[in-house]
């Protein structure tokens, strides 16, 4: 997902086995402090993309993605605080129960929105996803250039850059 959203941003990707499941990890090179709203939204989608890929490929929900879900919820909350997304109706409420309920509802809506967008982008780029999965299954670890090679289309042309909606 990170490579689709920002070509050249992924430096390493690998699959790992543990406790009866398979997981994946990517590392990106951009600075996480003081990032733009667009970059923050992309990072949330990247965090949710592993679960979305498992759902797309196997049709199963990934119970191992609980950590990613927790991280994405935290990131959405941080984005809301950073960019004042909770709006004027939330000012002055403090940490009241009403504030907590509204914030939780907002985070749930945003999680679903980002997850749907991640699933949509992966479905649109299913061929690239399948090629990347195949290469990872063969080699277990890929560096950035190998990841980019794996997601090139069959004609050898690099895929179009996608933008989050």
Protein backbone atom coordinates (compact mmCIF):
# COMPACT_ATOMS: atom_id res chain seq x y z
CA UNK A 1 0.00 0.00 0.00
CA UNK A 2 2.76 2.44 0.94
CA UNK A 3 4.46 1.89 -2.41
CA UNK A 4 1.18 2.46 -4.28
CA UNK A 5 0.48 5.70 -2.42
CA UNK A 6 4.03 7.03 -2.59
CA UNK A 7 6.34 5.23 -5.02
CA UNK A 8 9.86 4.92 -3.67
CA UNK A 9 8.81 5.20 -0.02
CA UNK A 10 9.29 1.56 1.00
CA UNK A 11 12.79 0.39 1.85
CA UNK A 12 12.13 -3.12 3.11
CA UNK A 13 9.29 -5.64 3.25
CA UNK A 14 9.23 -9.10 4.73
CA UNK A 15 6.88 -11.82 5.87
CA UNK A 16 7.21 -13.44 9.25
CA UNK A 17 5.69 -16.54 10.78
CA UNK A 18 4.66 -16.73 14.38
CA UNK A 19 2.08 -18.36 16.60
CA UNK A 20 0.42 -20.13 13.70
CA UNK A 21 -0.02 -17.06 11.53
CA UNK A 22 1.82 -15.13 8.88
CA UNK A 23 2.38 -11.41 9.13
CA UNK A 24 4.08 -8.80 7.07
CA UNK A 25 6.16 -5.75 7.81
CA UNK A 26 7.20 -2.79 5.69
CA UNK A 27 9.55 0.04 6.54
CA UNK A 28 9.23 3.46 4.99
CA UNK A 29 11.68 6.28 4.87
CA UNK A 30 9.63 9.35 5.64
CA UNK A 31 9.81 11.27 8.88
CA UNK A 32 6.83 10.70 11.16
CA UNK A 33 7.12 13.96 13.10
CA UNK A 34 5.23 16.96 11.78
CA UNK A 35 3.89 15.23 8.71
CA UNK A 36 1.14 16.65 6.55
CA UNK A 37 -2.47 15.62 6.93
CA UNK A 38 -2.29 13.79 3.59
CA UNK A 39 0.78 11.85 4.74
CA UNK A 40 -0.90 11.03 8.05
CA UNK A 41 -3.97 9.72 6.21
CA UNK A 42 -1.74 7.62 3.96
CA UNK A 43 0.02 6.17 7.00
CA UNK A 44 -3.35 5.21 8.51
CA UNK A 45 -4.29 3.43 5.27
CA UNK A 46 -0.94 1.65 5.19
CA UNK A 47 -1.52 0.50 8.77
CA UNK A 48 -4.91 -0.96 7.79
CA UNK A 49 -3.71 -2.41 4.47
CA UNK A 50 -2.39 -5.70 5.87
CA UNK A 51 -5.80 -6.67 7.18
CA UNK A 52 -7.43 -5.43 3.97
CA UNK A 53 -5.04 -7.55 1.88
CA UNK A 54 -5.79 -10.68 3.91
CA UNK A 55 -9.54 -10.07 3.51
CA UNK A 56 -9.14 -9.50 -0.23
CA UNK A 57 -6.92 -12.51 -0.90
CA UNK A 58 -8.38 -15.11 1.48
CA UNK A 59 -11.82 -13.72 2.27
CA UNK A 60 -11.07 -14.15 5.97
CA UNK A 61 -10.86 -11.56 8.72
CA UNK A 62 -7.36 -11.38 10.13
CA UNK A 63 -7.46 -11.78 13.91
CA UNK A 64 -3.75 -11.01 14.02
CA UNK A 65 -4.41 -7.43 12.93
CA UNK A 66 -5.60 -6.30 16.37
CA UNK A 67 -2.35 -4.41 16.93
CA UNK A 68 -2.72 -2.65 13.59
CA UNK A 69 -6.31 -1.71 14.42
CA UNK A 70 -5.25 -0.27 17.77
CA UNK A 71 -2.42 1.67 16.11
CA UNK A 72 -4.77 3.03 13.42
CA UNK A 73 -7.30 4.13 16.06
CA UNK A 74 -4.55 5.94 17.93
CA UNK A 75 -3.35 7.59 14.70
CA UNK A 76 -6.88 8.73 13.84
CA UNK A 77 -7.26 10.22 17.29
CA UNK A 78 -3.90 11.99 16.96
CA UNK A 79 -4.84 13.30 13.51
CA UNK A 80 -8.11 14.61 14.89
CA UNK A 81 -6.30 16.42 17.70
CA UNK A 82 -3.56 17.73 15.41
CA UNK A 83 -5.93 19.07 12.76
CA UNK A 84 -8.80 20.05 15.11
CA UNK A 85 -11.13 17.62 13.38
CA UNK A 86 -13.42 17.23 16.39
CA UNK A 87 -14.63 20.76 15.67
CA UNK A 88 -16.24 23.50 17.70
CA UNK A 89 -19.03 21.29 19.07
CA UNK A 90 -16.37 19.38 21.02
CA UNK A 91 -14.66 22.46 22.51
CA UNK A 92 -15.31 23.02 26.16
CA UNK A 93 -16.63 19.51 26.72
CA UNK A 94 -13.31 18.26 28.07
CA UNK A 95 -13.11 14.59 28.92
CA UNK A 96 -16.79 14.18 29.63
CA UNK A 97 -18.65 10.99 28.79
CA UNK A 98 -20.34 12.77 25.85
CA UNK A 99 -16.95 13.78 24.47
CA UNK A 100 -15.64 10.23 24.85
CA UNK A 101 -18.66 8.75 23.08
CA UNK A 102 -18.47 11.23 20.20
CA UNK A 103 -14.75 10.71 19.84
CA UNK A 104 -15.17 6.92 19.80
CA UNK A 105 -17.94 7.18 17.19
CA UNK A 106 -15.73 9.41 15.06
CA UNK A 107 -12.77 7.04 15.31
CA UNK A 108 -14.98 4.07 14.35
CA UNK A 109 -16.36 5.93 11.30
CA UNK A 110 -12.90 6.97 10.20
CA UNK A 111 -11.48 3.46 10.71
CA UNK A 112 -14.18 2.07 8.43
CA UNK A 113 -13.62 4.84 5.85
CA UNK A 114 -9.86 4.26 5.73
CA UNK A 115 -10.29 0.48 5.68
CA UNK A 116 -12.75 0.71 2.77
CA UNK A 117 -10.35 2.96 0.86
CA UNK A 118 -7.46 0.55 1.51
CA UNK A 119 -9.59 -2.38 0.27
CA UNK A 120 -10.63 -0.38 -2.82
CA UNK A 121 -7.04 0.55 -3.74
CA UNK A 122 -5.81 -3.00 -3.20
CA UNK A 123 -8.69 -4.44 -5.26
CA UNK A 124 -7.91 -1.98 -8.08
CA UNK A 125 -4.28 -3.11 -7.93
CA UNK A 126 -4.92 -6.80 -7.31
CA UNK A 127 -2.44 -7.94 -9.96
CA UNK A 128 0.34 -5.93 -8.30
CA UNK A 129 -0.65 -7.30 -4.91
CA UNK A 130 -0.58 -10.88 -6.20
CA UNK A 131 2.86 -10.39 -7.79
CA UNK A 132 4.21 -8.91 -4.57
CA UNK A 133 2.77 -11.76 -2.48
CA UNK A 134 4.32 -14.30 -4.86
CA UNK A 135 7.75 -12.68 -4.62
CA UNK A 136 7.53 -12.44 -0.83
CA UNK A 137 6.53 -16.10 -0.57
CA UNK A 138 9.55 -17.01 -2.68
CA UNK A 139 12.14 -14.73 -1.08
CA UNK A 140 10.63 -13.78 2.33
CA UNK A 141 12.43 -10.42 2.32
CA UNK A 142 12.51 -7.75 -0.38
CA UNK A 143 14.32 -4.43 -0.50
CA UNK A 144 12.67 -1.37 -2.01
CA UNK A 145 13.85 -1.89 -5.58
CA UNK A 146 12.68 -5.53 -5.50
CA UNK A 147 9.28 -4.41 -4.20
CA UNK A 148 8.97 -1.89 -7.02
CA UNK A 149 10.02 -4.55 -9.56
CA UNK A 150 7.45 -6.98 -8.15
CA UNK A 151 4.55 -4.56 -8.57
CA UNK A 152 5.40 -3.53 -12.11
CA UNK A 153 2.78 -4.73 -14.57
CA UNK A 154 3.39 -7.60 -16.98
CA UNK A 155 4.36 -5.22 -19.78
CA UNK A 156 7.17 -3.88 -17.61
CA UNK A 157 5.51 -0.51 -17.20
CA UNK A 158 5.34 0.95 -13.73
CA UNK A 159 1.83 1.22 -12.36
CA UNK A 160 0.07 4.54 -12.18
CA UNK A 161 0.44 6.43 -8.98
CA UNK A 162 -2.73 6.18 -6.95
CA UNK A 163 -4.16 8.85 -4.71
CA UNK A 164 -6.22 8.30 -1.63
CA UNK A 165 -9.74 9.66 -1.92
